[in-house]
Amino acid sequence: MPTSHHENDSFEDRLGAALRQAGDTFDTDRPALIAAGQARGHRLRLRRTTPTSSSSAPAPVSGEDMIATLRKLLPEGTVSGEAGSGTDEEIAAPYARVVYDDGKGGGAVSVALSRVEPGSQSARDATTCPDKAHVPYDSCTTSRLSDGSVLMLFRATSFRTGAWTPSAGRPSWSPPRGSRSV
């Protein structure tokens, strides 16, 4: 009776060969992996070299601080559904999210902060309008500001949880020093 493997091939040999064959066919976006690794390494190096004395280290910002700042920036109206995370939490990047109602209907408003390496692929990706063939949107503009920072304003109609959201805006700002706000 013919078989696809030799009678004396062990299971371990066949398994090893199958894993090597699967690994050889795996393809990835190597430049993206390299950029992500460099960004992670840079963040780790910054953590190691940042002074830890309380006089020079920036004070942590709480989720409540993020929400309070977002509330102060909103025009008059009612705010509910607050959620946020600060720099003192390892779970996610600092963010604040609220439901804001100007009297004509509520809408979600959120802001999230992250840091990118200036001039890196991550900074360019954050401030480049996506291809409409892959991400449908209503409008997207990118502007270089006088200080060298880049601002992208993204607006899209979306369908979530069975209801149409008339428009969702996403500004993305990348200053020359590397902070980013989304």
C-alpha atoms as a PDB file:
ATOM      1  CA  MET A   1       0.000   0.000   0.000  1.00  0.00           C
ATOM      2  CA  PRO A   2       1.645   3.332  -1.075  1.00  0.00           C
ATOM      3  CA  THR A   3       1.940   6.140   1.469  1.00  0.00           C
ATOM      4  CA  SER A   4       3.006   9.775   1.173  1.00  0.00           C
ATOM      5  CA  HIS A   5       5.859   9.307   3.635  1.00  0.00           C
ATOM      6  CA  HIS A   6       8.447   6.670   4.329  1.00  0.00           C
ATOM      7  CA  GLU A   7       7.493   3.929   6.736  1.00  0.00           C
ATOM      8  CA  ASN A   8      10.383   4.812   9.056  1.00  0.00           C
ATOM      9  CA  ASP A   9       9.581   8.574   9.206  1.00  0.00           C
ATOM     10  CA  SER A  10       8.593   9.424  12.730  1.00  0.00           C
ATOM     11  CA  PHE A  11       5.691  11.650  13.607  1.00  0.00           C
ATOM     12  CA  GLU A  12       8.134  14.242  14.931  1.00  0.00           C
ATOM     13  CA  ASP A  13      10.011  14.352  11.607  1.00  0.00           C
ATOM     14  CA  ARG A  14       6.789  14.785   9.627  1.00  0.00           C
ATOM     15  CA  LEU A  15       5.542  17.443  12.043  1.00  0.00           C
ATOM     16  CA  GLY A  16       8.842  19.336  11.829  1.00  0.00           C
ATOM     17  CA  ALA A  17       8.743  19.228   8.031  1.00  0.00           C
ATOM     18  CA  ALA A  18       5.136  20.478   7.979  1.00  0.00           C
ATOM     19  CA  LEU A  19       5.986  23.372  10.339  1.00  0.00           C
ATOM     20  CA  ARG A  20       9.023  24.341   8.225  1.00  0.00           C
ATOM     21  CA  GLN A  21       6.902  24.283   5.078  1.00  0.00           C
ATOM     22  CA  ALA A  22       4.215  26.465   6.720  1.00  0.00           C
ATOM     23  CA  GLY A  23       6.856  28.883   8.020  1.00  0.00           C
ATOM     24  CA  ASP A  24       8.506  29.139   4.601  1.00  0.00           C
ATOM     25  CA  THR A  25       5.214  30.244   3.021  1.00  0.00           C
ATOM     26  CA  PHE A  26       4.491  32.896   5.681  1.00  0.00           C
ATOM     27  CA  ASP A  27       4.898  36.446   4.372  1.00  0.00           C
ATOM     28  CA  THR A  28       4.672  39.696   6.307  1.00  0.00           C
ATOM     29  CA  ASP A  29       5.160  43.420   5.846  1.00  0.00           C
ATOM     30  CA  ARG A  30       8.799  43.532   6.939  1.00  0.00           C
ATOM     31  CA  PRO A  31       9.181  47.349   6.790  1.00  0.00           C
ATOM     32  CA  ALA A  32       6.171  47.699   9.104  1.00  0.00           C
ATOM     33  CA  LEU A  33       7.632  45.160  11.553  1.00  0.00           C
ATOM     34  CA  ILE A  34      10.986  46.953  11.496  1.00  0.00           C
ATOM     35  CA  ALA A  35       9.340  50.361  12.053  1.00  0.00           C
ATOM     36  CA  ALA A  36       7.252  49.001  14.933  1.00  0.00           C
ATOM     37  CA  GLY A  37      10.320  47.397  16.513  1.00  0.00           C
ATOM     38  CA  GLN A  38      12.311  50.605  16.197  1.00  0.00           C
ATOM     39  CA  ALA A  39       9.470  52.626  17.745  1.00  0.00           C
ATOM     40  CA  ARG A  40       9.166  50.170  20.640  1.00  0.00           C
ATOM     41  CA  GLY A  41      12.918  50.223  21.192  1.00  0.00           C
ATOM     42  CA  HIS A  42      12.913  54.025  21.185  1.00  0.00           C
ATOM     43  CA  ARG A  43      10.105  54.089  23.787  1.00  0.00           C
ATOM     44  CA  LEU A  44      11.958  51.622  26.002  1.00  0.00           C
ATOM     45  CA  ARG A  45      15.181  53.634  25.680  1.00  0.00           C
ATOM     46  CA  LEU A  46      13.299  56.823  26.624  1.00  0.00           C
ATOM     47  CA  ARG A  47      11.902  55.112  29.714  1.00  0.00           C
ATOM     48  CA  ARG A  48      15.384  54.001  30.766  1.00  0.00           C
ATOM     49  CA  THR A  49      16.979  57.398  30.178  1.00  0.00           C
ATOM     50  CA  THR A  50      14.194  59.614  31.531  1.00  0.00           C
ATOM     51  CA  PRO A  51      15.068  61.014  34.960  1.00  0.00           C
ATOM     52  CA  THR A  52      12.918  59.548  37.701  1.00  0.00           C
ATOM     53  CA  SER A  53      13.220  62.297  40.265  1.00  0.00           C
ATOM     54  CA  SER A  54       9.865  63.822  41.101  1.00  0.00           C
ATOM     55  CA  SER A  55      11.122  67.336  40.341  1.00  0.00           C
ATOM     56  CA  SER A  56      11.846  66.656  36.654  1.00  0.00           C
ATOM     57  CA  ALA A  57       9.318  63.949  35.772  1.00  0.00           C
ATOM     58  CA  PRO A  58       5.952  65.114  34.468  1.00  0.00           C
ATOM     59  CA  ALA A  59       3.050  64.474  36.794  1.00  0.00           C
ATOM     60  CA  PRO A  60       0.791  61.626  35.744  1.00  0.00           C
ATOM     61  CA  VAL A  61      -2.570  62.582  34.268  1.00  0.00           C
ATOM     62  CA  SER A  62      -5.598  60.597  35.416  1.00  0.00           C
ATOM     63  CA  GLY A  63      -8.593  59.545  33.362  1.00  0.00           C
ATOM     64  CA  GLU A  64     -10.640  62.073  35.352  1.00  0.00           C
ATOM     65  CA  ASP A  65      -8.169  64.801  34.311  1.00  0.00           C
ATOM     66  CA  MET A  66      -8.566  63.795  30.659  1.00  0.00           C
ATOM     67  CA  ILE A  67     -12.377  63.917  30.938  1.00  0.00           C
ATOM     68  CA  ALA A  68     -12.327  67.277  32.779  1.00  0.00           C
ATOM     69  CA  THR A  69     -10.082  68.789  30.083  1.00  0.00           C
ATOM     70  CA  LEU A  70     -12.340  67.507  27.288  1.00  0.00           C
ATOM     71  CA  ARG A  71     -15.431  68.880  29.085  1.00  0.00           C
ATOM     72  CA  LYS A  72     -13.786  72.325  29.384  1.00  0.00           C
ATOM     73  CA  LEU A  73     -13.088  72.381  25.644  1.00  0.00           C
ATOM     74  CA  LEU A  74     -16.687  71.608  24.634  1.00  0.00           C
ATOM     75  CA  PRO A  75     -19.245  74.363  24.008  1.00  0.00           C
ATOM     76  CA  GLU A  76     -22.286  74.699  26.248  1.00  0.00           C
ATOM     77  CA  GLY A  77     -24.451  71.575  26.351  1.00  0.00           C
ATOM     78  CA  THR A  78     -24.977  68.427  28.393  1.00  0.00           C
ATOM     79  CA  VAL A  79     -22.334  65.758  28.821  1.00  0.00           C
ATOM     80  CA  SER A  80     -22.934  62.117  29.814  1.00  0.00           C
ATOM     81  CA  GLY A  81     -21.435  58.677  29.286  1.00  0.00           C
ATOM     82  CA  GLU A  82     -17.974  59.690  30.441  1.00  0.00           C
ATOM     83  CA  ALA A  83     -15.053  57.285  30.181  1.00  0.00           C
ATOM     84  CA  GLY A  84     -11.333  57.872  30.311  1.00  0.00           C
ATOM     85  CA  SER A  85      -7.862  56.581  30.969  1.00  0.00           C
ATOM     86  CA  GLY A  86      -4.780  58.490  32.042  1.00  0.00           C
ATOM     87  CA  THR A  87      -1.030  58.235  31.788  1.00  0.00           C
ATOM     88  CA  ASP A  88      -1.021  56.509  35.168  1.00  0.00           C
ATOM     89  CA  GLU A  89      -2.774  53.450  33.685  1.00  0.00           C
ATOM     90  CA  GLU A  90      -0.971  50.792  31.639  1.00  0.00           C
ATOM     91  CA  ILE A  91      -4.198  49.519  30.009  1.00  0.00           C
ATOM     92  CA  ALA A  92      -4.435  51.940  27.089  1.00  0.00           C
ATOM     93  CA  ALA A  93      -3.163  55.220  25.753  1.00  0.00           C
ATOM     94  CA  PRO A  94      -4.593  58.248  27.581  1.00  0.00           C
ATOM     95  CA  TYR A  95      -8.083  59.037  26.307  1.00  0.00           C
ATOM     96  CA  ALA A  96     -11.364  60.689  27.193  1.00  0.00           C
ATOM     97  CA  ARG A  97     -14.767  59.898  25.701  1.00  0.00           C
ATOM     98  CA  VAL A  98     -18.124  61.562  26.374  1.00  0.00           C
ATOM     99  CA  VAL A  99     -21.566  61.854  24.843  1.00  0.00           C
ATOM    100  CA  TYR A 100     -22.151  65.538  24.140  1.00  0.00           C
ATOM    101  CA  ASP A 101     -25.629  66.959  23.444  1.00  0.00           C
ATOM    102  CA  ASP A 102     -25.971  70.516  22.189  1.00  0.00           C
ATOM    103  CA  GLY A 103     -29.774  70.326  22.420  1.00  0.00           C
ATOM    104  CA  LYS A 104     -30.132  69.020  18.857  1.00  0.00           C
ATOM    105  CA  GLY A 105     -29.163  65.435  19.633  1.00  0.00           C
ATOM    106  CA  GLY A 106     -26.246  63.674  21.267  1.00  0.00           C
ATOM    107  CA  GLY A 107     -23.037  62.541  19.670  1.00  0.00           C
ATOM    108  CA  ALA A 108     -19.883  60.804  20.809  1.00  0.00           C
ATOM    109  CA  VAL A 109     -16.802  62.972  21.251  1.00  0.00           C
ATOM    110  CA  SER A 110     -13.445  61.432  22.085  1.00  0.00           C
ATOM    111  CA  VAL A 111      -9.778  62.299  22.199  1.00  0.00           C
ATOM    112  CA  ALA A 112      -6.842  59.904  22.550  1.00  0.00           C
ATOM    113  CA  LEU A 113      -3.170  60.733  22.907  1.00  0.00           C
ATOM    114  CA  SER A 114      -0.151  58.785  21.742  1.00  0.00           C
ATOM    115  CA  ARG A 115       3.491  59.515  21.047  1.00  0.00           C
ATOM    116  CA  VAL A 116       5.181  58.847  17.720  1.00  0.00           C
ATOM    117  CA  GLU A 117       8.763  59.233  16.573  1.00  0.00           C
ATOM    118  CA  PRO A 118       9.050  62.479  14.553  1.00  0.00           C
ATOM    119  CA  GLY A 119       9.413  61.771  10.844  1.00  0.00           C
ATOM    120  CA  SER A 120       8.736  58.045  11.339  1.00  0.00           C
ATOM    121  CA  GLN A 121       6.419  55.888   9.266  1.00  0.00           C
ATOM    122  CA  SER A 122       3.983  55.894  12.221  1.00  0.00           C
ATOM    123  CA  ALA A 123       3.872  59.709  12.146  1.00  0.00           C
ATOM    124  CA  ARG A 124       3.307  59.712   8.376  1.00  0.00           C
ATOM    125  CA  ASP A 125       0.612  57.012   8.622  1.00  0.00           C
ATOM    126  CA  ALA A 126      -1.211  58.959  11.339  1.00  0.00           C
ATOM    127  CA  THR A 127      -1.405  62.087   9.194  1.00  0.00           C
ATOM    128  CA  THR A 128      -1.959  60.626   5.710  1.00  0.00           C
ATOM    129  CA  CYS A 129      -5.482  60.318   4.334  1.00  0.00           C
ATOM    130  CA  PRO A 130      -6.320  56.665   3.652  1.00  0.00           C
ATOM    131  CA  ASP A 131      -7.115  55.310   0.204  1.00  0.00           C
ATOM    132  CA  LYS A 132     -10.870  55.590  -0.405  1.00  0.00           C
ATOM    133  CA  ALA A 133     -10.799  52.155  -2.009  1.00  0.00           C
ATOM    134  CA  HIS A 134      -9.943  50.684   1.418  1.00  0.00           C
ATOM    135  CA  VAL A 135     -11.535  53.150   3.851  1.00  0.00           C
ATOM    136  CA  PRO A 136     -14.693  54.945   2.720  1.00  0.00           C
ATOM    137  CA  TYR A 137     -14.957  58.506   4.043  1.00  0.00           C
ATOM    138  CA  ASP A 138     -16.696  61.805   3.350  1.00  0.00           C
ATOM    139  CA  SER A 139     -13.683  64.118   3.553  1.00  0.00           C
ATOM    140  CA  CYS A 140     -10.059  64.087   4.575  1.00  0.00           C
ATOM    141  CA  THR A 141      -7.540  66.924   4.477  1.00  0.00           C
ATOM    142  CA  THR A 142      -3.918  67.156   5.567  1.00  0.00           C
ATOM    143  CA  SER A 143      -2.240  70.486   6.339  1.00  0.00           C
ATOM    144  CA  ARG A 144       1.279  71.431   7.396  1.00  0.00           C
ATOM    145  CA  LEU A 145       1.093  74.121  10.085  1.00  0.00           C
ATOM    146  CA  SER A 146       3.522  77.031  10.511  1.00  0.00           C
ATOM    147  CA  ASP A 147       5.425  75.261  13.341  1.00  0.00           C
ATOM    148  CA  GLY A 148       6.098  72.241  11.101  1.00  0.00           C
ATOM    149  CA  SER A 149       3.412  70.029  12.638  1.00  0.00           C
ATOM    150  CA  VAL A 150       0.952  68.144  10.455  1.00  0.00           C
ATOM    151  CA  LEU A 151      -2.819  68.079  11.012  1.00  0.00           C
ATOM    152  CA  MET A 152      -5.173  65.590   9.371  1.00  0.00           C
ATOM    153  CA  LEU A 153      -8.959  66.022   9.607  1.00  0.00           C
ATOM    154  CA  PHE A 154     -10.928  62.880   8.752  1.00  0.00           C
ATOM    155  CA  ARG A 155     -14.734  62.705   8.523  1.00  0.00           C
ATOM    156  CA  ALA A 156     -16.723  59.563   7.705  1.00  0.00           C
ATOM    157  CA  THR A 157     -20.226  58.232   7.820  1.00  0.00           C
ATOM    158  CA  SER A 158     -20.271  54.873   9.552  1.00  0.00           C
ATOM    159  CA  PHE A 159     -22.644  52.041  10.389  1.00  0.00           C
ATOM    160  CA  ARG A 160     -22.214  50.659  13.893  1.00  0.00           C
ATOM    161  CA  THR A 161     -24.427  48.533  16.074  1.00  0.00           C
ATOM    162  CA  GLY A 162     -27.261  48.642  13.558  1.00  0.00           C
ATOM    163  CA  ALA A 163     -27.532  52.436  13.334  1.00  0.00           C
ATOM    164  CA  TRP A 164     -26.026  54.995  10.984  1.00  0.00           C
ATOM    165  CA  THR A 165     -23.731  57.562  12.560  1.00  0.00           C
ATOM    166  CA  PRO A 166     -24.137  60.713  10.445  1.00  0.00           C
ATOM    167  CA  SER A 167     -20.475  61.618  10.675  1.00  0.00           C
ATOM    168  CA  ALA A 168     -17.439  60.733  12.680  1.00  0.00           C
ATOM    169  CA  GLY A 169     -14.490  63.080  12.700  1.00  0.00           C
ATOM    170  CA  ARG A 170     -10.931  62.131  13.501  1.00  0.00           C
ATOM    171  CA  PRO A 171      -8.289  64.812  13.692  1.00  0.00           C
ATOM    172  CA  SER A 172      -4.733  63.576  13.863  1.00  0.00           C
ATOM    173  CA  TRP A 173      -1.967  66.005  14.744  1.00  0.00           C
ATOM    174  CA  SER A 174       1.735  65.272  14.586  1.00  0.00           C
ATOM    175  CA  PRO A 175       4.000  68.089  15.810  1.00  0.00           C
ATOM    176  CA  PRO A 176       7.694  68.113  14.984  1.00  0.00           C
ATOM    177  CA  ARG A 177       8.594  66.889  18.512  1.00  0.00           C
ATOM    178  CA  GLY A 178       6.605  63.654  18.283  1.00  0.00           C
ATOM    179  CA  SER A 179       3.404  63.842  20.339  1.00  0.00           C
ATOM    180  CA  ARG A 180       0.194  62.923  18.604  1.00  0.00           C
ATOM    181  CA  SER A 181      -3.452  63.569  19.322  1.00  0.00           C
ATOM    182  CA  VAL A 182      -6.265  61.601  17.727  1.00  0.00           C
END
